[in-house]
Amino acid sequence: MYAQPGDAGADLVAAESVTLGPGARALVATGVRIALPDGYAAFIVPRSGLAAKHGISIVNSPGTIDAGYRGEIKVALLNTDLSATYQVTQGDRIAQMIVMPVTRANFIPVDELPDSARGDSGFGSTGYVADAAEQEVK
């Protein structure tokens, strides 16, 4: 399932053929089921070649496979190309799966959070400059 030594992502292939029209999405079967140990999760991410060459991505990227899930892994593919149809053929590599350890957080309600250098600065606070059209909208 790993194409090259050292690859982080294992290839997932389509278990069925699907036609993705321009802007369309489809849940594509892989025929793969896994049993992850507690403390691990698998993340389903797009293949860079499909994204760059054909505009094929994953709607909920990364898709998360929890340790307790035992069903078939399906990939929610999206054709971002607004003019070209893309044909997924059974056996095509459609996504990658990355297995990683995950830590469970212990959520504690508090009235205030401690200060940090960033504070509550959000989108664009680390260097993005909005163009003039965006600034006029504000």
C-alpha atoms as a PDB file:
ATOM      1  CA  MET A   1       0.000   0.000   0.000  1.00  0.00           C
ATOM      2  CA  TYR A   2       2.999   2.332   0.414  1.00  0.00           C
ATOM      3  CA  ALA A   3       4.364   3.290  -3.007  1.00  0.00           C
ATOM      4  CA  GLN A   4       7.887   4.187  -1.871  1.00  0.00           C
ATOM      5  CA  PRO A   5      10.062   3.498   1.179  1.00  0.00           C
ATOM      6  CA  GLY A   6       9.615   6.323   3.670  1.00  0.00           C
ATOM      7  CA  ASP A   7       6.164   7.372   2.387  1.00  0.00           C
ATOM      8  CA  ALA A   8       3.900   8.712   5.123  1.00  0.00           C
ATOM      9  CA  GLY A   9       0.694   7.964   3.247  1.00  0.00           C
ATOM     10  CA  ALA A  10      -0.524   4.559   2.133  1.00  0.00           C
ATOM     11  CA  ASP A  11      -2.443   4.582  -1.153  1.00  0.00           C
ATOM     12  CA  LEU A  12      -6.159   3.866  -1.167  1.00  0.00           C
ATOM     13  CA  VAL A  13      -7.658   2.638  -4.436  1.00  0.00           C
ATOM     14  CA  ALA A  14     -11.185   2.820  -5.782  1.00  0.00           C
ATOM     15  CA  ALA A  15     -13.183  -0.390  -5.443  1.00  0.00           C
ATOM     16  CA  GLU A  16     -15.696   0.943  -7.971  1.00  0.00           C
ATOM     17  CA  SER A  17     -15.817   3.167 -11.041  1.00  0.00           C
ATOM     18  CA  VAL A  18     -17.387   6.603 -10.637  1.00  0.00           C
ATOM     19  CA  THR A  19     -17.875   9.549 -12.972  1.00  0.00           C
ATOM     20  CA  LEU A  20     -17.378  12.955 -11.363  1.00  0.00           C
ATOM     21  CA  GLY A  21     -18.943  15.715 -13.400  1.00  0.00           C
ATOM     22  CA  PRO A  22     -17.687  19.292 -13.090  1.00  0.00           C
ATOM     23  CA  GLY A  23     -18.133  20.456  -9.489  1.00  0.00           C
ATOM     24  CA  ALA A  24     -19.598  17.071  -8.465  1.00  0.00           C
ATOM     25  CA  ARG A  25     -18.760  14.953  -5.459  1.00  0.00           C
ATOM     26  CA  ALA A  26     -19.159  11.243  -4.740  1.00  0.00           C
ATOM     27  CA  LEU A  27     -18.524   8.830  -1.893  1.00  0.00           C
ATOM     28  CA  VAL A  28     -16.164   6.248  -3.407  1.00  0.00           C
ATOM     29  CA  ALA A  29     -15.724   2.792  -1.873  1.00  0.00           C
ATOM     30  CA  THR A  30     -12.197   1.448  -1.285  1.00  0.00           C
ATOM     31  CA  GLY A  31     -12.978  -2.065  -0.082  1.00  0.00           C
ATOM     32  CA  VAL A  32     -10.641  -1.436   2.889  1.00  0.00           C
ATOM     33  CA  ARG A  33     -11.524  -1.956   6.535  1.00  0.00           C
ATOM     34  CA  ILE A  34      -9.016  -1.505   9.345  1.00  0.00           C
ATOM     35  CA  ALA A  35      -8.790  -2.036  13.100  1.00  0.00           C
ATOM     36  CA  LEU A  36      -6.675   0.666  14.682  1.00  0.00           C
ATOM     37  CA  PRO A  37      -5.490   0.298  18.269  1.00  0.00           C
ATOM     38  CA  ASP A  38      -6.704   2.802  20.870  1.00  0.00           C
ATOM     39  CA  GLY A  39      -4.614   5.949  20.760  1.00  0.00           C
ATOM     40  CA  TYR A  40      -4.371   5.977  16.938  1.00  0.00           C
ATOM     41  CA  ALA A  41      -6.385   7.486  14.110  1.00  0.00           C
ATOM     42  CA  ALA A  42      -6.096   7.361  10.337  1.00  0.00           C
ATOM     43  CA  PHE A  43      -6.410  10.503   8.263  1.00  0.00           C
ATOM     44  CA  ILE A  44      -7.536  10.358   4.636  1.00  0.00           C
ATOM     45  CA  VAL A  45      -5.905  13.043   2.499  1.00  0.00           C
ATOM     46  CA  PRO A  46      -5.925  13.943  -1.212  1.00  0.00           C
ATOM     47  CA  ARG A  47      -3.309  12.695  -3.650  1.00  0.00           C
ATOM     48  CA  SER A  48      -1.266  15.680  -4.774  1.00  0.00           C
ATOM     49  CA  GLY A  49      -1.111  14.532  -8.413  1.00  0.00           C
ATOM     50  CA  LEU A  50      -4.898  14.208  -8.710  1.00  0.00           C
ATOM     51  CA  ALA A  51      -5.354  17.615  -7.125  1.00  0.00           C
ATOM     52  CA  ALA A  52      -2.761  19.410  -9.248  1.00  0.00           C
ATOM     53  CA  LYS A  53      -3.505  17.733 -12.595  1.00  0.00           C
ATOM     54  CA  HIS A  54      -7.278  17.213 -12.418  1.00  0.00           C
ATOM     55  CA  GLY A  55      -8.646  19.272  -9.507  1.00  0.00           C
ATOM     56  CA  ILE A  56      -9.719  16.148  -7.605  1.00  0.00           C
ATOM     57  CA  SER A  57      -9.761  16.666  -3.854  1.00  0.00           C
ATOM     58  CA  ILE A  58     -11.499  15.335  -0.762  1.00  0.00           C
ATOM     59  CA  VAL A  59     -14.520  17.194   0.569  1.00  0.00           C
ATOM     60  CA  ASN A  60     -13.780  16.660   4.273  1.00  0.00           C
ATOM     61  CA  SER A  61     -10.003  16.628   4.080  1.00  0.00           C
ATOM     62  CA  PRO A  62      -8.608  15.217   6.127  1.00  0.00           C
ATOM     63  CA  GLY A  63     -11.201  12.518   6.655  1.00  0.00           C
ATOM     64  CA  THR A  64     -10.801  10.973  10.093  1.00  0.00           C
ATOM     65  CA  ILE A  65     -10.985   7.249  10.830  1.00  0.00           C
ATOM     66  CA  ASP A  66     -11.352   6.683  14.566  1.00  0.00           C
ATOM     67  CA  ALA A  67      -9.885   3.655  16.353  1.00  0.00           C
ATOM     68  CA  GLY A  68     -13.362   2.263  17.044  1.00  0.00           C
ATOM     69  CA  TYR A  69     -14.593   2.367  13.422  1.00  0.00           C
ATOM     70  CA  ARG A  70     -14.770  -1.018  11.703  1.00  0.00           C
ATOM     71  CA  GLY A  71     -16.657  -0.231   8.515  1.00  0.00           C
ATOM     72  CA  GLU A  72     -15.382   0.225   4.986  1.00  0.00           C
ATOM     73  CA  ILE A  73     -13.301   3.333   4.327  1.00  0.00           C
ATOM     74  CA  LYS A  74     -14.998   5.487   1.720  1.00  0.00           C
ATOM     75  CA  VAL A  75     -13.539   8.663   0.249  1.00  0.00           C
ATOM     76  CA  ALA A  76     -15.659  11.769  -0.402  1.00  0.00           C
ATOM     77  CA  LEU A  77     -14.070  12.883  -3.675  1.00  0.00           C
ATOM     78  CA  LEU A  78     -14.766  16.317  -5.144  1.00  0.00           C
ATOM     79  CA  ASN A  79     -14.127  17.444  -8.719  1.00  0.00           C
ATOM     80  CA  THR A  80     -13.178  21.113  -8.311  1.00  0.00           C
ATOM     81  CA  ASP A  81     -12.829  21.565 -12.083  1.00  0.00           C
ATOM     82  CA  LEU A  82     -15.865  23.486 -13.294  1.00  0.00           C
ATOM     83  CA  SER A  83     -15.593  22.387 -16.934  1.00  0.00           C
ATOM     84  CA  ALA A  84     -14.055  18.877 -17.121  1.00  0.00           C
ATOM     85  CA  THR A  85     -15.546  15.533 -16.078  1.00  0.00           C
ATOM     86  CA  TYR A  86     -13.188  13.114 -14.313  1.00  0.00           C
ATOM     87  CA  GLN A  87     -13.533   9.333 -14.548  1.00  0.00           C
ATOM     88  CA  VAL A  88     -12.477   7.275 -11.539  1.00  0.00           C
ATOM     89  CA  THR A  89     -11.838   3.690 -12.630  1.00  0.00           C
ATOM     90  CA  GLN A  90     -11.842   0.720 -10.275  1.00  0.00           C
ATOM     91  CA  GLY A  91      -8.226   0.240  -9.142  1.00  0.00           C
ATOM     92  CA  ASP A  92      -7.243   3.923  -9.463  1.00  0.00           C
ATOM     93  CA  ARG A  93      -5.316   5.404  -6.555  1.00  0.00           C
ATOM     94  CA  ILE A  94      -7.717   8.018  -5.163  1.00  0.00           C
ATOM     95  CA  ALA A  95      -6.406   9.050  -1.738  1.00  0.00           C
ATOM     96  CA  GLN A  96      -3.755   8.437   0.882  1.00  0.00           C
ATOM     97  CA  MET A  97      -4.180   7.205   4.444  1.00  0.00           C
ATOM     98  CA  ILE A  98      -1.859   8.430   7.178  1.00  0.00           C
ATOM     99  CA  VAL A  99      -1.930   6.556  10.504  1.00  0.00           C
ATOM    100  CA  MET A 100      -0.864   8.601  13.512  1.00  0.00           C
ATOM    101  CA  PRO A 101      -0.931   8.440  17.292  1.00  0.00           C
ATOM    102  CA  VAL A 102      -3.445  10.852  18.799  1.00  0.00           C
ATOM    103  CA  THR A 103      -3.682  12.294  22.276  1.00  0.00           C
ATOM    104  CA  ARG A 104      -7.030  12.684  23.981  1.00  0.00           C
ATOM    105  CA  ALA A 105      -7.537  16.109  25.494  1.00  0.00           C
ATOM    106  CA  ASN A 106      -8.842  16.641  28.986  1.00  0.00           C
ATOM    107  CA  PHE A 107     -11.337  19.512  28.608  1.00  0.00           C
ATOM    108  CA  ILE A 108     -11.674  21.727  31.686  1.00  0.00           C
ATOM    109  CA  PRO A 109     -14.174  24.612  31.703  1.00  0.00           C
ATOM    110  CA  VAL A 110     -12.584  27.895  32.815  1.00  0.00           C
ATOM    111  CA  ASP A 111     -13.720  31.505  33.045  1.00  0.00           C
ATOM    112  CA  GLU A 112     -10.509  32.895  31.514  1.00  0.00           C
ATOM    113  CA  LEU A 113      -7.596  31.640  29.463  1.00  0.00           C
ATOM    114  CA  PRO A 114      -3.970  32.554  30.188  1.00  0.00           C
ATOM    115  CA  ASP A 115      -2.402  35.234  27.964  1.00  0.00           C
ATOM    116  CA  SER A 116      -0.203  34.307  24.994  1.00  0.00           C
ATOM    117  CA  ALA A 117       1.893  36.217  22.457  1.00  0.00           C
ATOM    118  CA  ARG A 118      -0.783  35.745  19.776  1.00  0.00           C
ATOM    119  CA  GLY A 119      -3.817  36.267  21.950  1.00  0.00           C
ATOM    120  CA  ASP A 120      -7.138  36.081  20.103  1.00  0.00           C
ATOM    121  CA  SER A 121      -5.755  37.236  16.725  1.00  0.00           C
ATOM    122  CA  GLY A 122      -7.221  34.935  14.101  1.00  0.00           C
ATOM    123  CA  PHE A 123      -7.366  34.685  10.311  1.00  0.00           C
ATOM    124  CA  GLY A 124      -4.607  36.663   8.627  1.00  0.00           C
ATOM    125  CA  SER A 125      -2.968  37.729  11.866  1.00  0.00           C
ATOM    126  CA  THR A 126       0.420  36.243  10.980  1.00  0.00           C
ATOM    127  CA  GLY A 127       1.119  38.125   7.776  1.00  0.00           C
ATOM    128  CA  TYR A 128      -1.742  37.929   5.286  1.00  0.00           C
ATOM    129  CA  VAL A 129      -2.583  41.322   3.791  1.00  0.00           C
ATOM    130  CA  ALA A 130      -6.089  41.675   2.374  1.00  0.00           C
ATOM    131  CA  ASP A 131      -6.298  43.233  -1.072  1.00  0.00           C
ATOM    132  CA  ALA A 132      -8.045  46.579  -1.541  1.00  0.00           C
ATOM    133  CA  ALA A 133     -11.362  44.977  -2.570  1.00  0.00           C
ATOM    134  CA  GLU A 134     -11.524  42.928   0.657  1.00  0.00           C
ATOM    135  CA  GLN A 135     -10.633  45.973   2.770  1.00  0.00           C
ATOM    136  CA  GLU A 136     -13.503  47.951   1.212  1.00  0.00           C
ATOM    137  CA  VAL A 137     -16.000  45.225   2.179  1.00  0.00           C
ATOM    138  CA  LYS A 138     -15.151  45.565   5.861  1.00  0.00           C
END
